[in-house]
Protein backbone atom coordinates (compact mmCIF):
# COMPACT_ATOMS: atom_id res chain seq x y z
CA MET A 1 4.62 -10.20 -5.75
CA SER A 2 3.65 -12.58 -8.78
CA ALA A 3 5.28 -15.18 -7.40
CA ILE A 4 3.70 -15.15 -4.05
CA GLU A 5 0.09 -14.69 -5.66
CA ALA A 6 0.55 -17.60 -7.90
CA ARG A 7 1.31 -19.86 -4.78
CA LEU A 8 -1.95 -18.37 -3.39
CA SER A 9 -4.24 -19.20 -6.24
CA GLU A 10 -3.81 -22.49 -4.91
CA VAL A 11 -5.94 -21.63 -2.24
CA GLY A 12 -8.11 -19.22 -4.00
CA LEU A 13 -6.73 -15.74 -3.79
CA VAL A 14 -9.60 -13.29 -2.77
CA GLY A 15 -7.19 -10.09 -3.19
CA THR A 16 -3.95 -8.58 -2.45
CA TYR A 17 -3.95 -5.27 -0.56
CA LEU A 18 -1.17 -2.76 0.36
CA HIS A 19 -1.54 -0.52 3.72
CA GLY A 20 1.10 1.46 5.50
CA SER A 21 3.62 3.93 4.55
CA LEU A 22 3.63 3.42 0.82
CA ALA A 23 0.06 3.10 0.73
CA SER A 24 -0.52 6.61 2.79
CA GLY A 25 2.23 8.57 0.84
CA ALA A 26 4.63 8.38 3.69
CA TYR A 27 7.08 6.04 2.54
CA PHE A 28 10.92 6.54 2.82
CA PRO A 29 12.89 3.95 0.83
CA PRO A 30 15.80 3.69 3.32
CA LYS A 31 13.75 3.18 6.20
CA SER A 32 10.03 2.14 5.29
CA ASP A 33 8.83 -1.45 4.90
CA VAL A 34 6.20 -2.73 2.31
CA ASP A 35 3.23 -3.51 4.02
CA LEU A 36 0.71 -6.26 2.29
CA LEU A 37 -2.42 -8.49 3.16
CA PHE A 38 -3.23 -11.19 1.00
CA VAL A 39 -6.82 -12.86 1.57
CA VAL A 40 -7.49 -16.44 0.74
CA GLU A 41 -10.67 -18.70 0.43
CA ARG A 42 -9.12 -21.68 1.94
CA PRO A 43 -6.77 -22.62 4.59
CA LEU A 44 -3.03 -23.09 3.70
CA ASP A 45 -1.36 -26.93 4.54
CA PRO A 46 1.90 -27.09 6.27
CA ALA A 47 3.41 -27.85 2.97
CA LEU A 48 1.96 -24.79 1.00
CA ARG A 49 3.25 -22.48 4.07
CA GLU A 50 6.63 -23.63 3.70
CA ARG A 51 6.62 -23.08 -0.16
CA LEU A 52 5.25 -19.86 0.58
CA SER A 53 7.53 -19.15 3.09
CA LEU A 54 10.59 -19.93 0.78
CA THR A 55 8.99 -17.51 -1.97
CA CYS A 56 8.60 -14.54 0.56
CA VAL A 57 12.54 -15.11 1.59
CA ASP A 58 13.30 -14.53 -2.16
CA ALA A 59 11.21 -11.74 -2.62
CA ALA A 60 12.41 -10.01 0.10
CA ALA A 61 16.08 -10.64 -0.87
CA ALA A 62 15.22 -9.22 -4.33
CA ARG A 63 13.90 -6.03 -3.02
CA PRO A 64 15.29 -2.66 -4.62
CA THR A 65 14.97 -1.01 -0.96
CA LEU A 66 16.36 -1.30 2.70
CA GLY A 67 12.86 -1.67 3.98
CA THR A 68 11.83 -5.13 4.31
CA LEU A 69 8.84 -7.23 3.23
CA GLU A 70 5.98 -7.64 6.06
CA LEU A 71 2.80 -9.59 5.02
CA SER A 72 -0.01 -11.55 6.55
CA VAL A 73 -2.13 -14.27 4.77
CA LEU A 74 -5.91 -14.26 6.05
CA LEU A 75 -8.95 -16.17 5.39
CA ARG A 76 -11.91 -14.25 3.66
CA ASP A 77 -14.42 -15.56 6.35
CA ALA A 78 -12.16 -14.29 9.00
CA THR A 79 -11.70 -10.73 7.55
CA ARG A 80 -15.28 -10.70 6.51
CA ALA A 81 -16.45 -11.40 10.23
CA GLY A 82 -13.91 -9.08 12.11
CA VAL A 83 -13.89 -11.15 15.03
CA PHE A 84 -10.44 -10.29 16.86
CA PRO A 85 -7.91 -11.79 17.74
CA MET A 86 -7.78 -12.80 14.36
CA GLY A 87 -5.55 -15.68 13.03
CA CYS A 88 -3.45 -15.49 10.18
CA GLU A 89 -2.81 -18.67 7.58
CA LEU A 90 1.03 -17.20 7.62
CA HIS A 91 2.51 -14.42 8.68
CA PHE A 92 6.21 -13.18 7.32
CA GLY A 93 8.48 -10.46 8.26
CA GLU A 94 12.29 -10.05 8.77
CA ASN A 95 12.45 -12.18 11.87
CA MET A 96 11.44 -15.06 9.67
CA VAL A 97 14.15 -15.03 7.30
CA GLY A 98 16.46 -16.92 9.36
CA PRO A 99 14.30 -19.76 10.53
CA VAL A 100 12.91 -20.51 7.10
CA LEU A 101 16.68 -20.62 5.79
CA SER A 102 17.60 -22.73 8.60
CA GLY A 103 14.73 -25.05 8.43
CA THR A 104 13.44 -24.42 11.82
CA ALA A 105 10.53 -22.45 10.78
CA ASP A 106 6.78 -23.89 12.38
CA TYR A 107 4.75 -24.24 9.41
CA GLY A 108 1.78 -25.59 11.56
CA PRO A 109 -1.56 -23.60 12.07
CA GLY A 110 -1.74 -20.82 14.51
CA ALA A 111 0.47 -17.91 13.18
CA ARG A 112 -0.16 -14.57 14.78
CA ASP A 113 0.06 -11.21 13.81
CA ASP A 114 -0.61 -9.02 16.78
CA ASP A 115 -0.90 -5.52 15.20
CA LEU A 116 -3.68 -6.79 12.50
CA PRO A 117 -6.24 -4.55 13.99
CA THR A 118 -4.02 -1.60 13.23
CA HIS A 119 -3.01 -3.02 10.02
CA ILE A 120 -6.60 -3.52 8.99
CA ARG A 121 -7.65 0.17 9.95
CA CYS A 122 -5.00 1.50 8.12
CA LEU A 123 -5.90 -0.63 5.12
CA GLN A 124 -9.77 0.74 5.53
CA GLU A 125 -8.41 4.47 5.55
CA THR A 126 -5.64 4.86 3.13
CA GLY A 127 -4.93 1.32 1.31
CA VAL A 128 -4.68 0.33 -2.11
CA VAL A 129 -6.19 -2.86 -3.98
CA ILE A 130 -3.42 -4.47 -5.89
CA ALA A 131 -5.42 -7.12 -7.22
CA GLY A 132 -8.96 -8.52 -6.21
CA ALA A 133 -12.21 -7.74 -4.48
CA PRO A 134 -12.57 -4.02 -3.10
CA ILE A 135 -11.38 -3.64 0.23
CA ASP A 136 -15.02 -2.69 1.96
CA GLN A 137 -16.36 -6.10 0.46
CA VAL A 138 -13.57 -8.01 2.07
CA PHE A 139 -12.78 -6.59 5.43
CA ALA A 140 -15.58 -6.03 8.28
CA PRO A 141 -14.82 -2.74 10.17
CA VAL A 142 -12.45 -2.78 12.97
CA PRO A 143 -14.10 -1.92 16.39
CA SER A 144 -12.56 1.27 17.98
CA PRO A 145 -11.88 -0.67 21.45
CA VAL A 146 -10.00 -3.64 19.25
CA PHE A 147 -8.00 -0.94 17.47
CA ARG A 148 -7.16 0.92 20.45
CA THR A 149 -5.88 -1.87 22.38
CA SER A 150 -3.86 -3.05 19.59
CA VAL A 151 -2.20 0.43 19.70
CA GLU A 152 -1.57 0.21 23.41
CA ALA A 153 -0.10 -3.17 23.06
CA ASP A 154 2.47 -1.88 21.08
CA GLN A 155 3.07 1.33 23.09
CA GLU A 156 3.61 -1.20 26.27
CA TRP A 157 6.40 -2.99 24.34
CA ILE A 158 8.08 0.34 23.25
CA LEU A 159 8.01 1.58 27.12
CA GLU A 160 8.80 -1.64 28.31
CA GLY A 161 12.74 -1.98 29.60
CA ASP A 162 15.15 -0.59 27.08
CA HIS A 163 13.24 -1.34 23.84
CA ILE A 164 13.24 2.56 22.83
CA LEU A 165 17.11 2.17 22.96
CA GLU A 166 17.06 -0.70 20.54
CA SER A 167 14.58 0.83 18.24
CA PRO A 168 14.72 4.66 18.84
CA VAL A 169 13.02 5.68 15.53
CA TYR A 170 10.19 3.12 15.52
CA GLY A 171 9.86 3.83 19.18
CA VAL A 172 9.65 7.50 19.34
CA LEU A 173 7.29 8.07 16.46
CA ASN A 174 4.97 5.56 17.20
CA LEU A 175 4.67 6.92 20.91
CA CYS A 176 3.92 10.10 19.05
CA ARG A 177 1.17 8.43 17.21
CA GLY A 178 -0.18 7.10 20.38
CA LEU A 179 -0.63 10.64 21.73
CA TRP A 180 -2.21 11.77 18.91
CA LEU A 181 -4.89 9.08 19.09
CA ASP A 182 -4.98 9.85 22.72
CA ARG A 183 -5.60 13.81 22.71
CA ARG A 184 -7.36 13.89 19.46
CA PRO A 185 -10.21 11.63 19.58
CA ALA A 186 -12.47 13.78 17.24
CA HIS A 187 -9.75 12.81 14.43
CA THR A 188 -10.72 9.40 13.56
CA SER A 189 -8.10 8.49 10.89
CA THR A 190 -4.95 6.80 12.08
CA PRO A 191 -1.76 9.27 11.43
CA SER A 192 1.62 8.31 10.04
CA LYS A 193 4.63 8.15 11.92
CA VAL A 194 5.81 11.58 10.09
CA GLU A 195 2.53 13.16 10.76
CA ALA A 196 2.31 12.32 14.31
CA GLY A 197 5.81 13.28 14.71
CA LEU A 198 5.29 16.72 13.29
CA TRP A 199 1.95 17.20 15.57
CA ALA A 200 3.83 15.89 18.60
CA ALA A 201 6.98 18.51 17.89
CA THR A 202 4.40 21.50 18.55
CA GLN A 203 2.79 19.84 21.64
CA LEU A 204 5.85 18.93 23.90
CA PRO A 205 8.44 20.46 26.17
CA PRO A 206 11.62 21.62 24.34
CA ASP A 207 13.88 18.66 25.80
CA LEU A 208 11.00 15.97 24.35
CA ARG A 209 10.95 17.81 20.90
CA ARG A 210 14.43 17.67 20.44
CA VAL A 211 14.14 13.75 20.48
CA VAL A 212 11.03 13.75 18.37
CA GLN A 213 12.71 15.91 15.43
CA ALA A 214 15.75 13.56 15.89
CA ALA A 215 13.55 10.61 15.10
CA LEU A 216 11.92 12.32 12.23
CA ASP A 217 15.41 13.57 10.69
CA ALA A 218 16.48 10.26 10.97
CA HIS A 219 13.27 8.68 9.51
CA ARG A 220 13.07 10.91 6.74
CA ASP A 221 17.07 10.72 5.96
CA PRO A 222 17.26 9.92 2.13
CA GLY A 223 20.57 8.42 2.49
CA TRP A 224 21.16 4.90 2.57
CA ILE A 225 22.56 3.16 5.77
CA ALA A 226 23.64 -0.46 6.36
CA PRO A 227 20.81 -2.83 7.31
CA ASP A 228 22.08 -3.41 10.64
CA HIS A 229 21.90 0.21 11.42
CA ARG A 230 18.12 0.58 10.38
CA ARG A 231 16.89 0.56 14.04
CA THR A 232 18.80 3.56 14.70
CA GLY A 233 18.66 5.15 11.69
CA GLY A 234 22.37 4.98 11.36
CA ARG A 235 22.49 7.47 13.97
CA VAL A 236 24.22 7.87 17.66
CA TRP A 237 21.65 8.22 19.86
CA ASP A 238 21.59 10.24 23.36
CA VAL A 239 20.78 7.45 25.78
CA GLY A 240 19.93 9.60 28.57
CA ALA A 241 17.32 11.78 26.44
CA LEU A 242 15.75 8.59 25.14
CA GLU A 243 15.36 7.41 28.53
CA ARG A 244 13.72 10.52 29.91
CA PHE A 245 11.28 10.44 26.65
CA ARG A 246 10.53 7.22 27.59
CA ASP A 247 9.78 7.80 31.35
CA ALA A 248 7.92 11.11 29.99
CA PHE A 249 5.81 8.97 27.68
CA ARG A 250 4.83 6.38 30.72
CA THR A 251 3.05 9.17 32.27
CA LEU A 252 1.60 11.18 29.15
CA LEU A 253 -0.21 7.53 28.02
CA GLY A 254 -1.05 6.60 31.68
CA ALA A 255 1.43 3.30 31.30
CA PRO A 256 2.09 1.87 34.71
CA ASP A 257 5.68 2.81 36.42
CA ASP A 258 6.86 2.63 39.73
CA GLY A 259 3.40 3.13 40.85
CA HIS A 260 0.21 4.11 38.98
CA PRO A 261 0.83 7.56 37.69
CA GLU A 262 -1.88 9.43 36.58
CA ARG A 263 -2.68 10.77 33.23
CA VAL A 264 -1.44 14.29 32.67
CA SER A 265 -4.29 16.99 31.90
CA GLU A 266 -4.28 18.92 28.48
């Protein structure tokens, strides 16, 4: 953390902010990521983006947990304006490690994190200031339509093709979170994956509940797993059950399928 902050001090570090499961109390070391937002006063040039990316790779490699490091660097003018889509000065996650180490990463402007509205909303609800200015002095409120569009874009990815088979724990629990937001509009806070899964397990038919319970068990399992098994939680999944779960949620969430299925009633 200190090494990243030292790099960003070159462009006026405004603050370091923790969001996601570690901030909300739903962190499980073998599975969960560490999610951070950094806000700076001035843009990064390509040379600084490269140096910072290498520093992030080192920080991710030194982490004591299986979950990776996920972060975005944002300009203060952008966070205070609260206009979306909002560009990043740099975005780093697990998918960036290979390009950074191979020298093929693009350090030009225009980095994107399409989940930013969700990240910022969660930061405003349960985030922690690691260093710098208070959250409400740096981040403008995220408009509800923008937040919902971000959530729905993630749902669309999960429901597309066989993505839920590739990342069943993430996919199942995030669909449960989408259903929570869809069915409980009076609850303005964003639930954690576990909170949403526990709620969905009381609402769904038995065959779908079993899939949710399997995802909850895998996500909360304290046992350590190999990094390349992280997406599956180290478990063998019933492919047919996952496909039926996906297809049911296409209807529950009103996602397009082989036609235009109507949203089911409460």
